[in-house]
Amino acid sequence: MTRAKKILTTIALILAAAAASASPALADNSMPTPAPDTTVPVAPPAGSAP
């Protein structure tokens, strides 16, 4: 392998590593969202009040 090919291969690997490490920051929605509130308020049945 010639010196020029080795240099180009090294640069390509560096660029690929940089792109892989930067890809989460470039995502459309990179911030995690909280889980939705799935609790449902429950009222006592009608006519069960003391």
PDB file of N, CA and C in Angstrom:
ATOM      1  N   MET A   1       0.858  -1.174   0.000  1.00  0.00           N
ATOM      2  CA  MET A   1       0.000   0.000   0.000  1.00  0.00           C
ATOM      3  C   MET A   1       0.904   1.236   0.000  1.00  0.00           C
ATOM      4  N   THR A   2       0.605   2.142  -0.861  1.00  0.00           N
ATOM      5  CA  THR A   2       1.435   3.340  -0.942  1.00  0.00           C
ATOM      6  C   THR A   2       1.152   4.276   0.214  1.00  0.00           C
ATOM      7  N   ARG A   3       2.059   5.214   0.384  1.00  0.00           N
ATOM      8  CA  ARG A   3       1.919   6.172   1.482  1.00  0.00           C
ATOM      9  C   ARG A   3       0.635   6.992   1.331  1.00  0.00           C
ATOM     10  N   ALA A   4       0.306   7.389   0.114  1.00  0.00           N
ATOM     11  CA  ALA A   4      -0.896   8.190  -0.129  1.00  0.00           C
ATOM     12  C   ALA A   4      -2.159   7.403   0.245  1.00  0.00           C
ATOM     13  N   LYS A   5      -2.209   6.127  -0.083  1.00  0.00           N
ATOM     14  CA  LYS A   5      -3.376   5.302   0.268  1.00  0.00           C
ATOM     15  C   LYS A   5      -3.496   5.161   1.781  1.00  0.00           C
ATOM     16  N   LYS A   6      -2.373   5.016   2.475  1.00  0.00           N
ATOM     17  CA  LYS A   6      -2.406   4.905   3.928  1.00  0.00           C
ATOM     18  C   LYS A   6      -2.929   6.191   4.557  1.00  0.00           C
ATOM     19  N   ILE A   7      -2.494   7.323   4.021  1.00  0.00           N
ATOM     20  CA  ILE A   7      -2.953   8.615   4.538  1.00  0.00           C
ATOM     21  C   ILE A   7      -4.450   8.783   4.291  1.00  0.00           C
ATOM     22  N   LEU A   8      -4.907   8.456   3.089  1.00  0.00           N
ATOM     23  CA  LEU A   8      -6.332   8.575   2.777  1.00  0.00           C
ATOM     24  C   LEU A   8      -7.172   7.627   3.629  1.00  0.00           C
ATOM     25  N   THR A   9      -6.676   6.426   3.862  1.00  0.00           N
ATOM     26  CA  THR A   9      -7.396   5.472   4.702  1.00  0.00           C
ATOM     27  C   THR A   9      -7.491   5.975   6.137  1.00  0.00           C
ATOM     28  N   THR A  10      -6.405   6.539   6.638  1.00  0.00           N
ATOM     29  CA  THR A  10      -6.403   7.075   7.997  1.00  0.00           C
ATOM     30  C   THR A  10      -7.378   8.238   8.130  1.00  0.00           C
ATOM     31  N   ILE A  11      -7.374   9.126   7.139  1.00  0.00           N
ATOM     32  CA  ILE A  11      -8.300  10.261   7.170  1.00  0.00           C
ATOM     33  C   ILE A  11      -9.746   9.778   7.100  1.00  0.00           C
ATOM     34  N   ALA A  12     -10.015   8.777   6.272  1.00  0.00           N
ATOM     35  CA  ALA A  12     -11.374   8.239   6.165  1.00  0.00           C
ATOM     36  C   ALA A  12     -11.827   7.629   7.486  1.00  0.00           C
ATOM     37  N   LEU A  13     -10.943   6.919   8.166  1.00  0.00           N
ATOM     38  CA  LEU A  13     -11.301   6.334   9.464  1.00  0.00           C
ATOM     39  C   LEU A  13     -11.551   7.416  10.513  1.00  0.00           C
ATOM     40  N   ILE A  14     -10.747   8.465  10.499  1.00  0.00           N
ATOM     41  CA  ILE A  14     -10.945   9.557  11.455  1.00  0.00           C
ATOM     42  C   ILE A  14     -12.282  10.250  11.201  1.00  0.00           C
ATOM     43  N   LEU A  15     -12.596  10.497   9.936  1.00  0.00           N
ATOM     44  CA  LEU A  15     -13.871  11.140   9.611  1.00  0.00           C
ATOM     45  C   LEU A  15     -15.056  10.249   9.982  1.00  0.00           C
ATOM     46  N   ALA A  16     -14.927   8.956   9.770  1.00  0.00           N
ATOM     47  CA  ALA A  16     -16.015   8.040  10.130  1.00  0.00           C
ATOM     48  C   ALA A  16     -16.221   8.016  11.645  1.00  0.00           C
ATOM     49  N   ALA A  17     -15.130   8.013  12.403  1.00  0.00           N
ATOM     50  CA  ALA A  17     -15.251   8.017  13.859  1.00  0.00           C
ATOM     51  C   ALA A  17     -15.865   9.325  14.353  1.00  0.00           C
ATOM     52  N   ALA A  18     -15.481  10.436  13.739  1.00  0.00           N
ATOM     53  CA  ALA A  18     -16.047  11.731  14.130  1.00  0.00           C
ATOM     54  C   ALA A  18     -17.536  11.795  13.798  1.00  0.00           C
ATOM     55  N   ALA A  19     -17.917  11.266  12.647  1.00  0.00           N
ATOM     56  CA  ALA A  19     -19.334  11.275  12.269  1.00  0.00           C
ATOM     57  C   ALA A  19     -20.156  10.390  13.189  1.00  0.00           C
ATOM     58  N   ALA A  20     -19.599   9.257  13.573  1.00  0.00           N
ATOM     59  CA  ALA A  20     -20.327   8.347  14.465  1.00  0.00           C
ATOM     60  C   ALA A  20     -20.492   8.951  15.849  1.00  0.00           C
ATOM     61  N   SER A  21     -19.498   9.675  16.317  1.00  0.00           N
ATOM     62  CA  SER A  21     -19.607  10.267  17.651  1.00  0.00           C
ATOM     63  C   SER A  21     -20.506  11.496  17.650  1.00  0.00           C
ATOM     64  N   ALA A  22     -20.631  12.174  16.514  1.00  0.00           N
ATOM     65  CA  ALA A  22     -21.458  13.376  16.445  1.00  0.00           C
ATOM     66  C   ALA A  22     -22.897  13.080  16.068  1.00  0.00           C
ATOM     67  N   SER A  23     -23.197  11.894  15.584  1.00  0.00           N
ATOM     68  CA  SER A  23     -24.547  11.609  15.085  1.00  0.00           C
ATOM     69  C   SER A  23     -25.639  11.726  16.152  1.00  0.00           C
ATOM     70  N   PRO A  24     -25.429  11.330  17.417  1.00  0.00           N
ATOM     71  CA  PRO A  24     -26.509  11.544  18.394  1.00  0.00           C
ATOM     72  C   PRO A  24     -26.839  13.018  18.603  1.00  0.00           C
ATOM     73  N   ALA A  25     -25.840  13.885  18.505  1.00  0.00           N
ATOM     74  CA  ALA A  25     -26.091  15.310  18.686  1.00  0.00           C
ATOM     75  C   ALA A  25     -26.849  15.905  17.509  1.00  0.00           C
ATOM     76  N   LEU A  26     -26.778  15.260  16.368  1.00  0.00           N
ATOM     77  CA  LEU A  26     -27.459  15.760  15.179  1.00  0.00           C
ATOM     78  C   LEU A  26     -28.860  15.179  15.017  1.00  0.00           C
ATOM     79  N   ALA A  27     -29.262  14.332  15.932  1.00  0.00           N
ATOM     80  CA  ALA A  27     -30.584  13.707  15.827  1.00  0.00           C
ATOM     81  C   ALA A  27     -31.675  14.764  15.988  1.00  0.00           C
ATOM     82  N   ASP A  28     -32.821  14.498  15.420  1.00  0.00           N
ATOM     83  CA  ASP A  28     -33.929  15.456  15.459  1.00  0.00           C
ATOM     84  C   ASP A  28     -34.410  15.671  16.886  1.00  0.00           C
ATOM     85  N   ASN A  29     -34.528  14.610  17.648  1.00  0.00           N
ATOM     86  CA  ASN A  29     -35.028  14.703  19.015  1.00  0.00           C
ATOM     87  C   ASN A  29     -34.017  14.027  19.933  1.00  0.00           C
ATOM     88  N   SER A  30     -32.952  14.733  20.260  1.00  0.00           N
ATOM     89  CA  SER A  30     -31.889  14.111  21.037  1.00  0.00           C
ATOM     90  C   SER A  30     -32.151  14.153  22.537  1.00  0.00           C
ATOM     91  N   MET A  31     -33.093  14.994  22.982  1.00  0.00           N
ATOM     92  CA  MET A  31     -33.380  15.063  24.411  1.00  0.00           C
ATOM     93  C   MET A  31     -34.412  14.004  24.778  1.00  0.00           C
ATOM     94  N   PRO A  32     -34.156  13.254  25.831  1.00  0.00           N
ATOM     95  CA  PRO A  32     -35.155  12.258  26.238  1.00  0.00           C
ATOM     96  C   PRO A  32     -36.409  12.941  26.774  1.00  0.00           C
ATOM     97  N   THR A  33     -37.524  12.348  26.493  1.00  0.00           N
ATOM     98  CA  THR A  33     -38.781  12.906  26.978  1.00  0.00           C
ATOM     99  C   THR A  33     -39.264  12.084  28.165  1.00  0.00           C
ATOM    100  N   PRO A  34     -39.899  12.726  29.123  1.00  0.00           N
ATOM    101  CA  PRO A  34     -40.395  11.968  30.274  1.00  0.00           C
ATOM    102  C   PRO A  34     -41.528  11.031  29.862  1.00  0.00           C
ATOM    103  N   ALA A  35     -41.694   9.993  30.633  1.00  0.00           N
ATOM    104  CA  ALA A  35     -42.768   9.040  30.353  1.00  0.00           C
ATOM    105  C   ALA A  35     -44.114   9.732  30.551  1.00  0.00           C
ATOM    106  N   PRO A  36     -45.100   9.403  29.755  1.00  0.00           N
ATOM    107  CA  PRO A  36     -46.411  10.036  29.928  1.00  0.00           C
ATOM    108  C   PRO A  36     -47.057   9.615  31.243  1.00  0.00           C
ATOM    109  N   ASP A  37     -47.859  10.507  31.779  1.00  0.00           N
ATOM    110  CA  ASP A  37     -48.558  10.218  33.025  1.00  0.00           C
ATOM    111  C   ASP A  37     -49.712   9.268  32.720  1.00  0.00           C
ATOM    112  N   THR A  38     -49.571   8.024  33.133  1.00  0.00           N
ATOM    113  CA  THR A  38     -50.588   7.027  32.807  1.00  0.00           C
ATOM    114  C   THR A  38     -51.523   6.753  33.976  1.00  0.00           C
ATOM    115  N   THR A  39     -51.395   7.513  35.041  1.00  0.00           N
ATOM    116  CA  THR A  39     -52.297   7.292  36.182  1.00  0.00           C
ATOM    117  C   THR A  39     -53.676   7.861  35.861  1.00  0.00           C
ATOM    118  N   VAL A  40     -54.686   7.172  36.273  1.00  0.00           N
ATOM    119  CA  VAL A  40     -56.060   7.602  36.036  1.00  0.00           C
ATOM    120  C   VAL A  40     -56.712   7.821  37.396  1.00  0.00           C
ATOM    121  N   PRO A  41     -57.218   9.036  37.617  1.00  0.00           N
ATOM    122  CA  PRO A  41     -57.881   9.258  38.912  1.00  0.00           C
ATOM    123  C   PRO A  41     -59.142   8.394  39.026  1.00  0.00           C
ATOM    124  N   VAL A  42     -59.328   7.818  40.198  1.00  0.00           N
ATOM    125  CA  VAL A  42     -60.473   6.932  40.419  1.00  0.00           C
ATOM    126  C   VAL A  42     -61.367   7.552  41.491  1.00  0.00           C
ATOM    127  N   ALA A  43     -62.609   7.722  41.157  1.00  0.00           N
ATOM    128  CA  ALA A  43     -63.592   8.265  42.115  1.00  0.00           C
ATOM    129  C   ALA A  43     -64.361   7.088  42.717  1.00  0.00           C
ATOM    130  N   PRO A  44     -64.788   7.234  43.951  1.00  0.00           N
ATOM    131  CA  PRO A  44     -65.595   6.151  44.537  1.00  0.00           C
ATOM    132  C   PRO A  44     -66.914   6.013  43.784  1.00  0.00           C
ATOM    133  N   PRO A  45     -67.465   4.813  43.755  1.00  0.00           N
ATOM    134  CA  PRO A  45     -68.734   4.620  43.050  1.00  0.00           C
ATOM    135  C   PRO A  45     -69.850   5.475  43.668  1.00  0.00           C
ATOM    136  N   ALA A  46     -70.800   5.845  42.833  1.00  0.00           N
ATOM    137  CA  ALA A  46     -71.908   6.664  43.315  1.00  0.00           C
ATOM    138  C   ALA A  46     -72.726   5.892  44.343  1.00  0.00           C
ATOM    139  N   GLY A  47     -73.107   6.570  45.398  1.00  0.00           N
ATOM    140  CA  GLY A  47     -73.921   5.947  46.437  1.00  0.00           C
ATOM    141  C   GLY A  47     -73.114   5.222  47.487  1.00  0.00           C
ATOM    142  N   SER A  48     -71.806   5.255  47.438  1.00  0.00           N
ATOM    143  CA  SER A  48     -71.003   4.557  48.448  1.00  0.00           C
ATOM    144  C   SER A  48     -70.512   5.495  49.519  1.00  0.00           C
ATOM    145  N   ALA A  49     -70.897   6.779  49.434  1.00  0.00           N
ATOM    146  CA  ALA A  49     -70.461   7.743  50.454  1.00  0.00           C
ATOM    147  C   ALA A  49     -71.190   7.440  51.766  1.00  0.00           C
ATOM    148  N   PRO A  50     -70.497   7.668  52.884  1.00  0.00           N
ATOM    149  CA  PRO A  50     -71.134   7.366  54.191  1.00  0.00           C
ATOM    150  C   PRO A  50     -72.243   8.286  54.567  1.00  0.00           C
TER     151      PRO A  50
END
